[in-house]
């Protein structure tokens, strides 16, 4: 094994998560909203950048902004249909480039978190896709505050005080169910 830098400042700042799509493109969250200093001159929302090898030499040499928006963006995964899934503190969204211009032009909310807690990295954070295409989502301990998770089909999970949990929903954002609980902040989850 060897490790080499493929991108660094100033081409990328404050990365919080990354993933590769089926075409080998690297998607990276550039989080500008997680406790920025008072004099921060960066964007007011987060960005998802995409890096790719435009000339086939094995090096990521092209950079573009795929999506701009969101606050406290913490996780990324590629769905089985190739769309990009992103997790902010309060939402799981699906992002698509329907006109193949390299930028997201359609975003849909698959899951929403309703709570009075507002700390950036103890809400929604972890994300993974299993072999069936179901989406697993990590929810942090949320300061022990009551919460409602509402999927796009209206299915819900409620809780508060039980610690962080992992939830599963269908690729379309339905049939939300609790898988496990008792974690602190399950940020990095994966499926083997």
N, C-alpha and C. Protein backbone atom coordinates (compact mmCIF):
# COMPACT_ATOMS: atom_id res chain seq x y z
N UNK A 1 0.83 -1.18 0.00
CA UNK A 1 0.00 0.00 0.00
C UNK A 1 0.87 1.24 0.00
N UNK A 2 0.39 2.28 -0.62
CA UNK A 2 1.07 3.57 -0.54
C UNK A 2 0.01 4.65 -0.52
N UNK A 3 0.36 5.76 0.05
CA UNK A 3 -0.56 6.90 0.15
C UNK A 3 0.09 8.08 -0.55
N UNK A 4 -0.67 8.75 -1.40
CA UNK A 4 -0.17 9.96 -2.04
C UNK A 4 -1.28 11.00 -2.08
N UNK A 5 -0.93 12.25 -1.96
CA UNK A 5 -1.90 13.33 -2.05
C UNK A 5 -2.36 13.46 -3.50
N UNK A 6 -3.68 13.51 -3.69
CA UNK A 6 -4.21 13.69 -5.03
C UNK A 6 -4.81 15.07 -5.21
N UNK A 7 -5.17 15.72 -4.11
CA UNK A 7 -5.66 17.09 -4.15
C UNK A 7 -5.44 17.70 -2.77
N UNK A 8 -5.14 18.98 -2.74
CA UNK A 8 -4.86 19.68 -1.48
C UNK A 8 -5.22 21.15 -1.64
N UNK A 9 -5.12 21.89 -0.53
CA UNK A 9 -5.36 23.33 -0.61
C UNK A 9 -4.41 23.94 -1.62
N UNK A 10 -4.80 24.90 -2.39
CA UNK A 10 -6.05 25.64 -2.35
C UNK A 10 -7.17 25.03 -3.20
N UNK A 11 -6.92 23.89 -3.85
CA UNK A 11 -7.94 23.28 -4.71
C UNK A 11 -9.08 22.65 -3.92
N UNK A 12 -8.87 22.43 -2.63
CA UNK A 12 -9.88 21.82 -1.78
C UNK A 12 -9.65 22.30 -0.36
N UNK A 13 -10.70 22.76 0.31
CA UNK A 13 -10.59 23.17 1.72
C UNK A 13 -11.69 22.50 2.53
N UNK A 14 -11.42 22.28 3.79
CA UNK A 14 -12.36 21.71 4.76
C UNK A 14 -13.16 20.50 4.25
N UNK A 15 -12.49 19.46 3.75
CA UNK A 15 -13.23 18.27 3.30
C UNK A 15 -13.78 17.49 4.49
N UNK A 16 -15.01 17.01 4.38
CA UNK A 16 -15.60 16.20 5.45
C UNK A 16 -15.94 14.78 5.01
N UNK A 17 -16.05 14.52 3.72
CA UNK A 17 -16.34 13.16 3.25
C UNK A 17 -16.07 13.10 1.75
N UNK A 18 -15.88 11.89 1.26
CA UNK A 18 -15.68 11.70 -0.17
C UNK A 18 -16.18 10.32 -0.58
N UNK A 19 -16.38 10.14 -1.88
CA UNK A 19 -16.73 8.83 -2.43
C UNK A 19 -16.43 8.86 -3.93
N UNK A 20 -16.28 7.69 -4.50
CA UNK A 20 -16.10 7.54 -5.94
C UNK A 20 -17.39 7.07 -6.57
N UNK A 21 -17.71 7.56 -7.76
CA UNK A 21 -18.87 7.04 -8.49
C UNK A 21 -18.43 5.90 -9.40
N UNK A 22 -19.35 5.35 -10.15
CA UNK A 22 -19.07 4.19 -10.99
C UNK A 22 -18.15 4.51 -12.16
N UNK A 23 -17.96 5.80 -12.46
CA UNK A 23 -17.05 6.22 -13.53
C UNK A 23 -15.67 6.61 -13.01
N UNK A 24 -15.43 6.42 -11.71
CA UNK A 24 -14.13 6.74 -11.13
C UNK A 24 -13.94 8.19 -10.76
N UNK A 25 -15.01 8.98 -10.82
CA UNK A 25 -14.91 10.38 -10.40
C UNK A 25 -14.94 10.45 -8.88
N UNK A 26 -14.16 11.36 -8.31
CA UNK A 26 -14.09 11.56 -6.87
C UNK A 26 -14.96 12.75 -6.48
N UNK A 27 -15.97 12.49 -5.66
CA UNK A 27 -16.84 13.53 -5.12
C UNK A 27 -16.38 13.84 -3.70
N UNK A 28 -16.25 15.13 -3.37
CA UNK A 28 -15.75 15.54 -2.06
C UNK A 28 -16.62 16.68 -1.53
N UNK A 29 -17.02 16.55 -0.27
CA UNK A 29 -17.72 17.65 0.39
C UNK A 29 -16.69 18.68 0.82
N UNK A 30 -16.92 19.90 0.44
CA UNK A 30 -16.15 21.03 0.93
C UNK A 30 -17.08 21.77 1.90
N UNK A 31 -16.90 21.51 3.19
CA UNK A 31 -17.82 22.03 4.21
C UNK A 31 -17.35 23.40 4.69
N UNK A 32 -18.13 24.41 4.35
CA UNK A 32 -17.81 25.79 4.72
C UNK A 32 -18.66 26.29 5.89
N UNK A 33 -19.54 25.44 6.43
CA UNK A 33 -20.51 25.89 7.42
C UNK A 33 -20.32 25.27 8.80
N UNK A 34 -19.32 24.45 8.99
CA UNK A 34 -19.09 23.80 10.29
C UNK A 34 -18.18 24.68 11.13
N UNK A 35 -18.76 25.54 11.94
CA UNK A 35 -18.04 26.47 12.80
C UNK A 35 -16.99 27.30 12.07
N UNK A 36 -17.37 28.01 11.02
CA UNK A 36 -16.38 28.87 10.35
C UNK A 36 -15.99 30.03 11.26
N UNK A 37 -14.76 30.53 11.17
CA UNK A 37 -14.38 31.69 11.97
C UNK A 37 -15.18 32.92 11.55
N UNK A 38 -15.25 33.91 12.44
CA UNK A 38 -16.04 35.11 12.17
C UNK A 38 -15.61 35.83 10.89
N UNK A 39 -14.33 35.80 10.58
CA UNK A 39 -13.83 36.52 9.41
C UNK A 39 -13.70 35.62 8.17
N UNK A 40 -14.42 34.49 8.16
CA UNK A 40 -14.32 33.53 7.06
C UNK A 40 -14.83 34.15 5.77
N UNK A 41 -14.03 34.07 4.70
CA UNK A 41 -14.43 34.67 3.43
C UNK A 41 -14.82 33.62 2.38
N UNK A 42 -15.06 32.39 2.82
CA UNK A 42 -15.48 31.34 1.90
C UNK A 42 -16.98 31.41 1.63
N UNK A 43 -17.49 30.46 0.86
CA UNK A 43 -18.92 30.43 0.54
C UNK A 43 -19.78 30.33 1.80
N UNK A 44 -21.02 30.77 1.71
CA UNK A 44 -21.95 30.72 2.85
C UNK A 44 -22.66 29.38 2.96
N UNK A 45 -22.52 28.53 1.95
CA UNK A 45 -23.06 27.17 1.99
C UNK A 45 -21.95 26.19 1.63
N UNK A 46 -22.22 24.92 1.81
CA UNK A 46 -21.25 23.89 1.47
C UNK A 46 -21.26 23.63 -0.03
N UNK A 47 -20.22 22.94 -0.49
CA UNK A 47 -20.13 22.58 -1.91
C UNK A 47 -19.74 21.11 -2.03
N UNK A 48 -20.18 20.49 -3.08
CA UNK A 48 -19.70 19.16 -3.42
C UNK A 48 -18.92 19.31 -4.72
N UNK A 49 -17.63 19.01 -4.61
CA UNK A 49 -16.74 19.11 -5.77
C UNK A 49 -16.59 17.74 -6.40
N UNK A 50 -16.28 17.74 -7.69
CA UNK A 50 -15.98 16.49 -8.38
C UNK A 50 -14.62 16.64 -9.06
N UNK A 51 -13.78 15.63 -8.84
CA UNK A 51 -12.45 15.58 -9.45
C UNK A 51 -12.43 14.38 -10.38
N UNK A 52 -11.85 14.55 -11.56
CA UNK A 52 -11.79 13.43 -12.50
C UNK A 52 -10.50 13.46 -13.31
N UNK A 53 -10.23 12.32 -13.90
CA UNK A 53 -9.06 12.14 -14.76
C UNK A 53 -9.52 12.40 -16.19
N UNK A 54 -9.32 13.63 -16.68
CA UNK A 54 -9.84 14.01 -17.99
C UNK A 54 -9.04 13.47 -19.16
N UNK A 55 -7.76 13.13 -18.92
CA UNK A 55 -6.93 12.67 -20.04
C UNK A 55 -6.50 11.21 -19.94
N UNK A 56 -7.04 10.49 -18.96
CA UNK A 56 -6.78 9.05 -18.85
C UNK A 56 -5.38 8.67 -18.38
N UNK A 57 -4.67 9.59 -17.73
CA UNK A 57 -3.31 9.25 -17.29
C UNK A 57 -3.24 8.76 -15.85
N UNK A 58 -4.41 8.55 -15.22
CA UNK A 58 -4.43 8.05 -13.85
C UNK A 58 -4.33 9.13 -12.79
N UNK A 59 -4.36 10.38 -13.17
CA UNK A 59 -4.29 11.50 -12.22
C UNK A 59 -5.57 12.33 -12.29
N UNK A 60 -6.04 12.75 -11.13
CA UNK A 60 -7.22 13.62 -11.10
C UNK A 60 -6.78 15.03 -11.48
N UNK A 61 -7.13 15.45 -12.69
CA UNK A 61 -6.63 16.73 -13.19
C UNK A 61 -7.73 17.74 -13.50
N UNK A 62 -8.98 17.37 -13.33
CA UNK A 62 -10.08 18.30 -13.61
C UNK A 62 -10.95 18.42 -12.37
N UNK A 63 -11.33 19.65 -12.06
CA UNK A 63 -12.15 19.94 -10.88
C UNK A 63 -13.33 20.78 -11.30
N UNK A 64 -14.51 20.47 -10.74
CA UNK A 64 -15.68 21.31 -10.96
C UNK A 64 -16.58 21.23 -9.73
N UNK A 65 -17.49 22.19 -9.64
CA UNK A 65 -18.48 22.19 -8.57
C UNK A 65 -19.69 21.43 -9.07
N UNK A 66 -20.01 20.32 -8.39
CA UNK A 66 -21.18 19.52 -8.77
C UNK A 66 -22.46 20.09 -8.15
N UNK A 67 -22.36 20.52 -6.90
CA UNK A 67 -23.53 21.02 -6.18
C UNK A 67 -23.09 22.07 -5.17
N UNK A 68 -23.89 23.10 -5.02
CA UNK A 68 -23.62 24.13 -4.03
C UNK A 68 -24.89 24.34 -3.21
N UNK A 69 -24.77 24.19 -1.89
CA UNK A 69 -25.91 24.34 -0.99
C UNK A 69 -25.76 23.44 0.21
N UNK A 70 -26.64 23.62 1.16
CA UNK A 70 -26.61 22.79 2.35
C UNK A 70 -25.74 23.38 3.44
N UNK A 71 -25.99 22.93 4.64
CA UNK A 71 -25.23 23.36 5.81
C UNK A 71 -24.87 22.13 6.62
N UNK A 72 -23.65 22.11 7.15
CA UNK A 72 -23.14 20.98 7.94
C UNK A 72 -23.26 19.68 7.16
N UNK A 73 -22.76 19.67 5.93
CA UNK A 73 -22.80 18.48 5.08
C UNK A 73 -21.72 17.51 5.56
N UNK A 74 -22.12 16.28 5.87
CA UNK A 74 -21.24 15.35 6.58
C UNK A 74 -20.96 14.04 5.85
N UNK A 75 -21.79 13.62 4.91
CA UNK A 75 -21.57 12.31 4.30
C UNK A 75 -22.01 12.24 2.86
N UNK A 76 -21.36 11.32 2.11
CA UNK A 76 -21.67 11.08 0.70
C UNK A 76 -21.68 9.59 0.42
N UNK A 77 -22.50 9.18 -0.52
CA UNK A 77 -22.50 7.80 -1.02
C UNK A 77 -23.11 7.81 -2.42
N UNK A 78 -22.76 6.81 -3.18
CA UNK A 78 -23.35 6.65 -4.51
C UNK A 78 -24.44 5.60 -4.43
N UNK A 79 -25.64 5.95 -4.87
CA UNK A 79 -26.76 5.01 -4.90
C UNK A 79 -26.56 4.02 -6.03
N UNK A 80 -27.29 2.91 -5.98
CA UNK A 80 -27.14 1.89 -7.02
C UNK A 80 -27.54 2.40 -8.40
N UNK A 81 -28.35 3.47 -8.48
CA UNK A 81 -28.71 4.04 -9.78
C UNK A 81 -27.68 5.06 -10.27
N UNK A 82 -26.59 5.26 -9.49
CA UNK A 82 -25.53 6.19 -9.87
C UNK A 82 -25.71 7.61 -9.36
N UNK A 83 -26.86 7.90 -8.74
CA UNK A 83 -27.06 9.25 -8.20
C UNK A 83 -26.23 9.43 -6.94
N UNK A 84 -25.99 10.67 -6.58
CA UNK A 84 -25.19 11.01 -5.41
C UNK A 84 -26.11 11.27 -4.23
N UNK A 85 -25.84 10.60 -3.11
CA UNK A 85 -26.58 10.81 -1.87
C UNK A 85 -25.72 11.67 -0.95
N UNK A 86 -26.32 12.69 -0.37
CA UNK A 86 -25.58 13.57 0.54
C UNK A 86 -26.35 13.68 1.85
N UNK A 87 -25.59 13.79 2.94
CA UNK A 87 -26.18 13.91 4.27
C UNK A 87 -25.75 15.23 4.89
N UNK A 88 -26.72 16.05 5.26
CA UNK A 88 -26.45 17.22 6.08
C UNK A 88 -26.92 16.90 7.49
N UNK A 89 -26.74 17.80 8.39
CA UNK A 89 -27.16 17.55 9.77
C UNK A 89 -28.64 17.20 9.84
N UNK A 90 -29.47 17.74 8.94
CA UNK A 90 -30.92 17.58 9.03
C UNK A 90 -31.59 16.91 7.83
N UNK A 91 -30.82 16.47 6.83
CA UNK A 91 -31.46 15.88 5.65
C UNK A 91 -30.56 14.85 4.97
N UNK A 92 -31.22 13.93 4.28
CA UNK A 92 -30.54 13.08 3.30
C UNK A 92 -31.16 13.45 1.96
N UNK A 93 -30.30 13.82 1.00
CA UNK A 93 -30.78 14.26 -0.31
C UNK A 93 -30.14 13.44 -1.42
N UNK A 94 -30.89 13.31 -2.52
CA UNK A 94 -30.38 12.66 -3.73
C UNK A 94 -30.12 13.75 -4.75
N UNK A 95 -28.93 13.72 -5.37
CA UNK A 95 -28.54 14.74 -6.35
C UNK A 95 -28.26 14.06 -7.69
N UNK A 96 -28.83 14.64 -8.74
CA UNK A 96 -28.68 14.07 -10.08
C UNK A 96 -28.26 15.14 -11.08
N UNK A 97 -27.52 14.69 -12.06
CA UNK A 97 -27.15 15.52 -13.21
C UNK A 97 -27.94 14.96 -14.40
N UNK A 98 -29.16 15.45 -14.61
CA UNK A 98 -30.03 14.86 -15.63
C UNK A 98 -29.70 15.30 -17.05
N UNK A 99 -28.95 16.40 -17.20
CA UNK A 99 -28.61 16.86 -18.55
C UNK A 99 -27.14 16.61 -18.90
N UNK A 100 -26.44 15.85 -18.06
CA UNK A 100 -25.05 15.42 -18.32
C UNK A 100 -24.08 16.58 -18.56
N UNK A 101 -24.28 17.70 -17.85
CA UNK A 101 -23.34 18.82 -17.99
C UNK A 101 -22.33 18.88 -16.84
N UNK A 102 -22.33 17.86 -15.97
CA UNK A 102 -21.37 17.81 -14.88
C UNK A 102 -21.81 18.52 -13.61
N UNK A 103 -23.02 19.11 -13.62
CA UNK A 103 -23.55 19.80 -12.43
C UNK A 103 -24.90 19.22 -12.05
N UNK A 104 -25.15 19.21 -10.76
CA UNK A 104 -26.45 18.76 -10.28
C UNK A 104 -27.54 19.71 -10.75
N UNK A 105 -28.61 19.15 -11.31
CA UNK A 105 -29.75 19.98 -11.70
C UNK A 105 -31.06 19.47 -11.10
N UNK A 106 -30.96 18.41 -10.28
CA UNK A 106 -32.16 17.92 -9.59
C UNK A 106 -31.75 17.38 -8.22
N UNK A 107 -32.41 17.88 -7.19
CA UNK A 107 -32.17 17.42 -5.83
C UNK A 107 -33.51 17.08 -5.19
N UNK A 108 -33.54 15.94 -4.51
CA UNK A 108 -34.75 15.49 -3.83
C UNK A 108 -34.41 15.12 -2.39
N UNK A 109 -35.26 15.52 -1.46
CA UNK A 109 -35.09 15.17 -0.06
C UNK A 109 -35.67 13.78 0.17
N UNK A 110 -34.84 12.85 0.69
CA UNK A 110 -35.29 11.50 0.99
C UNK A 110 -35.63 11.31 2.45
N UNK A 111 -34.99 12.11 3.33
CA UNK A 111 -35.19 11.96 4.77
C UNK A 111 -34.95 13.30 5.44
N UNK A 112 -35.81 13.65 6.40
CA UNK A 112 -35.67 14.89 7.16
C UNK A 112 -35.62 14.59 8.65
N UNK A 113 -34.81 15.35 9.35
CA UNK A 113 -34.71 15.26 10.80
C UNK A 113 -35.36 16.50 11.40
N UNK A 114 -36.37 16.29 12.26
CA UNK A 114 -37.01 17.38 12.98
C UNK A 114 -36.60 17.28 14.43
N UNK A 115 -35.97 18.33 14.96
CA UNK A 115 -35.50 18.37 16.34
C UNK A 115 -35.17 19.80 16.71
N UNK A 116 -35.12 20.08 18.01
CA UNK A 116 -34.69 21.41 18.45
C UNK A 116 -33.18 21.50 18.57
N UNK A 117 -32.48 20.36 18.62
CA UNK A 117 -31.02 20.35 18.70
C UNK A 117 -30.44 20.86 17.39
N UNK A 118 -29.27 21.53 17.49
CA UNK A 118 -28.73 22.14 16.27
C UNK A 118 -27.20 22.11 16.23
N UNK A 119 -26.57 21.18 16.88
CA UNK A 119 -25.11 21.08 16.84
C UNK A 119 -24.72 20.39 15.54
N UNK A 120 -23.75 20.91 14.77
CA UNK A 120 -23.50 20.43 13.41
C UNK A 120 -23.23 18.93 13.25
N UNK A 121 -22.45 18.32 14.14
CA UNK A 121 -22.08 16.94 13.84
C UNK A 121 -22.61 15.89 14.81
N UNK A 122 -23.75 16.15 15.44
CA UNK A 122 -24.36 15.07 16.21
C UNK A 122 -25.77 14.76 15.71
N UNK A 123 -26.08 15.20 14.51
CA UNK A 123 -27.35 14.86 13.85
C UNK A 123 -27.09 13.77 12.84
N UNK A 124 -27.68 13.89 11.66
CA UNK A 124 -27.43 12.92 10.60
C UNK A 124 -25.98 13.07 10.14
N UNK A 125 -25.34 11.96 9.81
CA UNK A 125 -23.94 12.05 9.41
C UNK A 125 -23.47 10.89 8.57
N UNK A 126 -23.59 9.68 9.05
CA UNK A 126 -23.09 8.52 8.32
C UNK A 126 -24.07 8.07 7.25
N UNK A 127 -23.52 7.50 6.18
CA UNK A 127 -24.37 6.97 5.11
C UNK A 127 -23.64 5.84 4.40
N UNK A 128 -24.39 4.82 4.03
CA UNK A 128 -23.87 3.70 3.25
C UNK A 128 -25.03 3.12 2.44
N UNK A 129 -24.69 2.42 1.38
CA UNK A 129 -25.69 1.75 0.54
C UNK A 129 -25.38 0.27 0.55
N UNK A 130 -26.40 -0.57 0.83
CA UNK A 130 -26.15 -2.01 0.88
C UNK A 130 -26.36 -2.65 -0.49
N UNK A 131 -26.15 -3.95 -0.57
CA UNK A 131 -26.21 -4.66 -1.86
C UNK A 131 -27.58 -4.60 -2.50
N UNK A 132 -28.62 -4.46 -1.70
CA UNK A 132 -29.98 -4.36 -2.23
C UNK A 132 -30.33 -2.94 -2.66
N UNK A 133 -29.43 -1.99 -2.40
CA UNK A 133 -29.67 -0.60 -2.74
C UNK A 133 -30.29 0.20 -1.61
N UNK A 134 -30.61 -0.47 -0.48
CA UNK A 134 -31.16 0.26 0.65
C UNK A 134 -30.11 1.21 1.22
N UNK A 135 -30.57 2.30 1.80
CA UNK A 135 -29.70 3.35 2.32
C UNK A 135 -29.67 3.25 3.84
N UNK A 136 -28.48 3.17 4.39
CA UNK A 136 -28.29 3.18 5.84
C UNK A 136 -27.78 4.55 6.25
N UNK A 137 -28.38 5.09 7.33
CA UNK A 137 -28.06 6.44 7.76
C UNK A 137 -27.72 6.43 9.24
N UNK A 138 -26.65 7.13 9.60
CA UNK A 138 -26.30 7.28 11.01
C UNK A 138 -26.85 8.58 11.56
N UNK A 139 -27.44 8.49 12.75
CA UNK A 139 -27.92 9.66 13.47
C UNK A 139 -27.16 9.74 14.78
N UNK A 140 -26.55 10.88 15.07
CA UNK A 140 -25.79 11.04 16.30
C UNK A 140 -26.67 11.15 17.52
N UNK A 141 -26.04 11.33 18.68
CA UNK A 141 -26.77 11.35 19.94
C UNK A 141 -27.67 12.57 20.09
N UNK A 142 -27.53 13.60 19.26
CA UNK A 142 -28.47 14.71 19.15
C UNK A 142 -28.71 15.39 20.50
N UNK A 143 -27.70 15.43 21.36
CA UNK A 143 -27.82 16.02 22.70
C UNK A 143 -28.91 15.36 23.54
N UNK A 144 -29.37 14.18 23.13
CA UNK A 144 -30.44 13.51 23.86
C UNK A 144 -31.81 14.13 23.65
N UNK A 145 -31.90 15.10 22.74
CA UNK A 145 -33.17 15.79 22.49
C UNK A 145 -34.13 14.91 21.69
N UNK A 146 -35.43 15.10 21.88
CA UNK A 146 -36.41 14.38 21.08
C UNK A 146 -36.23 14.70 19.59
N UNK A 147 -36.53 13.72 18.75
CA UNK A 147 -36.41 13.92 17.31
C UNK A 147 -37.46 13.09 16.57
N UNK A 148 -37.71 13.50 15.34
CA UNK A 148 -38.52 12.74 14.39
C UNK A 148 -37.70 12.62 13.12
N UNK A 149 -37.57 11.42 12.61
CA UNK A 149 -37.01 11.19 11.28
C UNK A 149 -38.18 10.88 10.37
N UNK A 150 -38.30 11.62 9.27
CA UNK A 150 -39.44 11.45 8.37
C UNK A 150 -38.91 11.19 6.97
N UNK A 151 -39.22 10.01 6.44
CA UNK A 151 -38.81 9.64 5.09
C UNK A 151 -39.78 10.24 4.08
N UNK A 152 -39.38 10.25 2.82
CA UNK A 152 -40.20 10.90 1.79
C UNK A 152 -41.54 10.21 1.57
N UNK A 153 -41.68 8.94 1.98
CA UNK A 153 -42.97 8.26 1.87
C UNK A 153 -43.84 8.50 3.10
N UNK A 154 -43.35 9.27 4.08
CA UNK A 154 -44.11 9.55 5.29
C UNK A 154 -43.80 8.61 6.45
N UNK A 155 -43.06 7.54 6.22
CA UNK A 155 -42.70 6.65 7.33
C UNK A 155 -41.81 7.40 8.30
N UNK A 156 -41.91 7.04 9.60
CA UNK A 156 -41.24 7.82 10.63
C UNK A 156 -40.59 6.93 11.67
N UNK A 157 -39.60 7.53 12.31
CA UNK A 157 -39.01 6.98 13.52
C UNK A 157 -38.87 8.15 14.49
N UNK A 158 -39.16 7.91 15.76
CA UNK A 158 -39.04 8.95 16.78
C UNK A 158 -38.16 8.43 17.90
N UNK A 159 -37.56 9.34 18.62
CA UNK A 159 -36.73 8.95 19.74
C UNK A 159 -36.18 10.17 20.44
N UNK A 160 -35.17 9.90 21.28
CA UNK A 160 -34.51 10.96 22.04
C UNK A 160 -33.97 10.38 23.32
N UNK A 161 -32.67 10.53 23.52
CA UNK A 161 -32.06 10.07 24.76
C UNK A 161 -31.49 8.67 24.72
N UNK A 162 -31.72 7.93 23.64
CA UNK A 162 -31.21 6.56 23.55
C UNK A 162 -29.83 6.47 22.94
N UNK A 163 -29.26 7.60 22.61
CA UNK A 163 -27.96 7.62 21.95
C UNK A 163 -28.15 7.65 20.45
N UNK A 164 -27.03 7.61 19.73
CA UNK A 164 -27.10 7.62 18.28
C UNK A 164 -27.64 6.30 17.74
N UNK A 165 -28.10 6.33 16.50
CA UNK A 165 -28.67 5.13 15.90
C UNK A 165 -28.34 5.01 14.43
N UNK A 166 -28.64 3.85 13.91
CA UNK A 166 -28.51 3.60 12.47
C UNK A 166 -29.89 3.19 11.97
N UNK A 167 -30.29 3.79 10.86
CA UNK A 167 -31.60 3.58 10.28
C UNK A 167 -31.44 3.11 8.84
N UNK A 168 -32.46 2.45 8.33
CA UNK A 168 -32.45 1.96 6.95
C UNK A 168 -33.73 2.43 6.26
N UNK A 169 -33.58 2.78 4.98
CA UNK A 169 -34.75 3.08 4.15
C UNK A 169 -34.49 2.58 2.74
N UNK A 170 -35.54 2.50 1.96
CA UNK A 170 -35.42 2.03 0.58
C UNK A 170 -34.70 3.08 -0.26
N UNK A 171 -34.25 2.73 -1.46
CA UNK A 171 -33.57 3.71 -2.32
C UNK A 171 -34.44 4.93 -2.67
N UNK A 172 -35.76 4.78 -2.60
CA UNK A 172 -36.66 5.88 -2.91
C UNK A 172 -36.99 6.72 -1.69
N UNK A 173 -36.47 6.35 -0.51
CA UNK A 173 -36.76 7.08 0.70
C UNK A 173 -38.03 6.61 1.36
N UNK A 174 -38.20 5.30 1.49
CA UNK A 174 -39.40 4.74 2.10
C UNK A 174 -39.09 3.67 3.12
N UNK A 175 -40.13 3.25 3.82
CA UNK A 175 -40.05 2.15 4.79
C UNK A 175 -38.93 2.35 5.80
N UNK A 176 -38.86 3.53 6.38
CA UNK A 176 -37.81 3.87 7.34
C UNK A 176 -37.90 2.96 8.56
N UNK A 177 -36.78 2.36 8.94
CA UNK A 177 -36.76 1.51 10.13
C UNK A 177 -35.46 1.70 10.89
N UNK A 178 -35.54 1.47 12.21
CA UNK A 178 -34.35 1.56 13.07
C UNK A 178 -33.64 0.21 12.99
N UNK A 179 -32.31 0.25 12.81
CA UNK A 179 -31.50 -0.97 12.73
C UNK A 179 -30.75 -1.20 14.04
N UNK A 180 -30.20 -0.13 14.61
CA UNK A 180 -29.40 -0.26 15.83
C UNK A 180 -29.40 1.08 16.56
N UNK A 181 -29.11 1.02 17.86
CA UNK A 181 -29.04 2.25 18.65
C UNK A 181 -27.99 2.10 19.74
N UNK A 182 -27.72 3.20 20.45
CA UNK A 182 -26.76 3.16 21.54
C UNK A 182 -25.38 3.63 21.16
N UNK A 183 -25.23 4.26 20.01
CA UNK A 183 -23.94 4.79 19.57
C UNK A 183 -23.76 6.21 20.07
N UNK A 184 -22.58 6.78 19.83
CA UNK A 184 -22.38 8.19 20.11
C UNK A 184 -22.76 8.96 18.85
N UNK A 185 -21.87 9.05 17.87
CA UNK A 185 -22.15 9.70 16.59
C UNK A 185 -21.68 8.78 15.48
N UNK A 186 -22.54 7.89 14.97
CA UNK A 186 -22.10 6.95 13.92
C UNK A 186 -21.89 7.65 12.58
N UNK A 187 -20.72 8.28 12.47
CA UNK A 187 -20.38 9.10 11.30
C UNK A 187 -19.93 8.23 10.13
N UNK A 188 -18.95 7.38 10.33
CA UNK A 188 -18.41 6.56 9.25
C UNK A 188 -18.98 5.16 9.31
N UNK A 189 -20.01 4.89 8.54
CA UNK A 189 -20.58 3.54 8.50
C UNK A 189 -20.33 2.96 7.12
N UNK A 190 -20.26 1.65 7.04
CA UNK A 190 -20.06 0.98 5.75
C UNK A 190 -20.74 -0.37 5.78
N UNK A 191 -20.92 -0.95 4.63
CA UNK A 191 -21.53 -2.26 4.48
C UNK A 191 -20.54 -3.15 3.75
N UNK A 192 -20.32 -4.37 4.26
CA UNK A 192 -19.39 -5.25 3.53
C UNK A 192 -20.18 -6.18 2.60
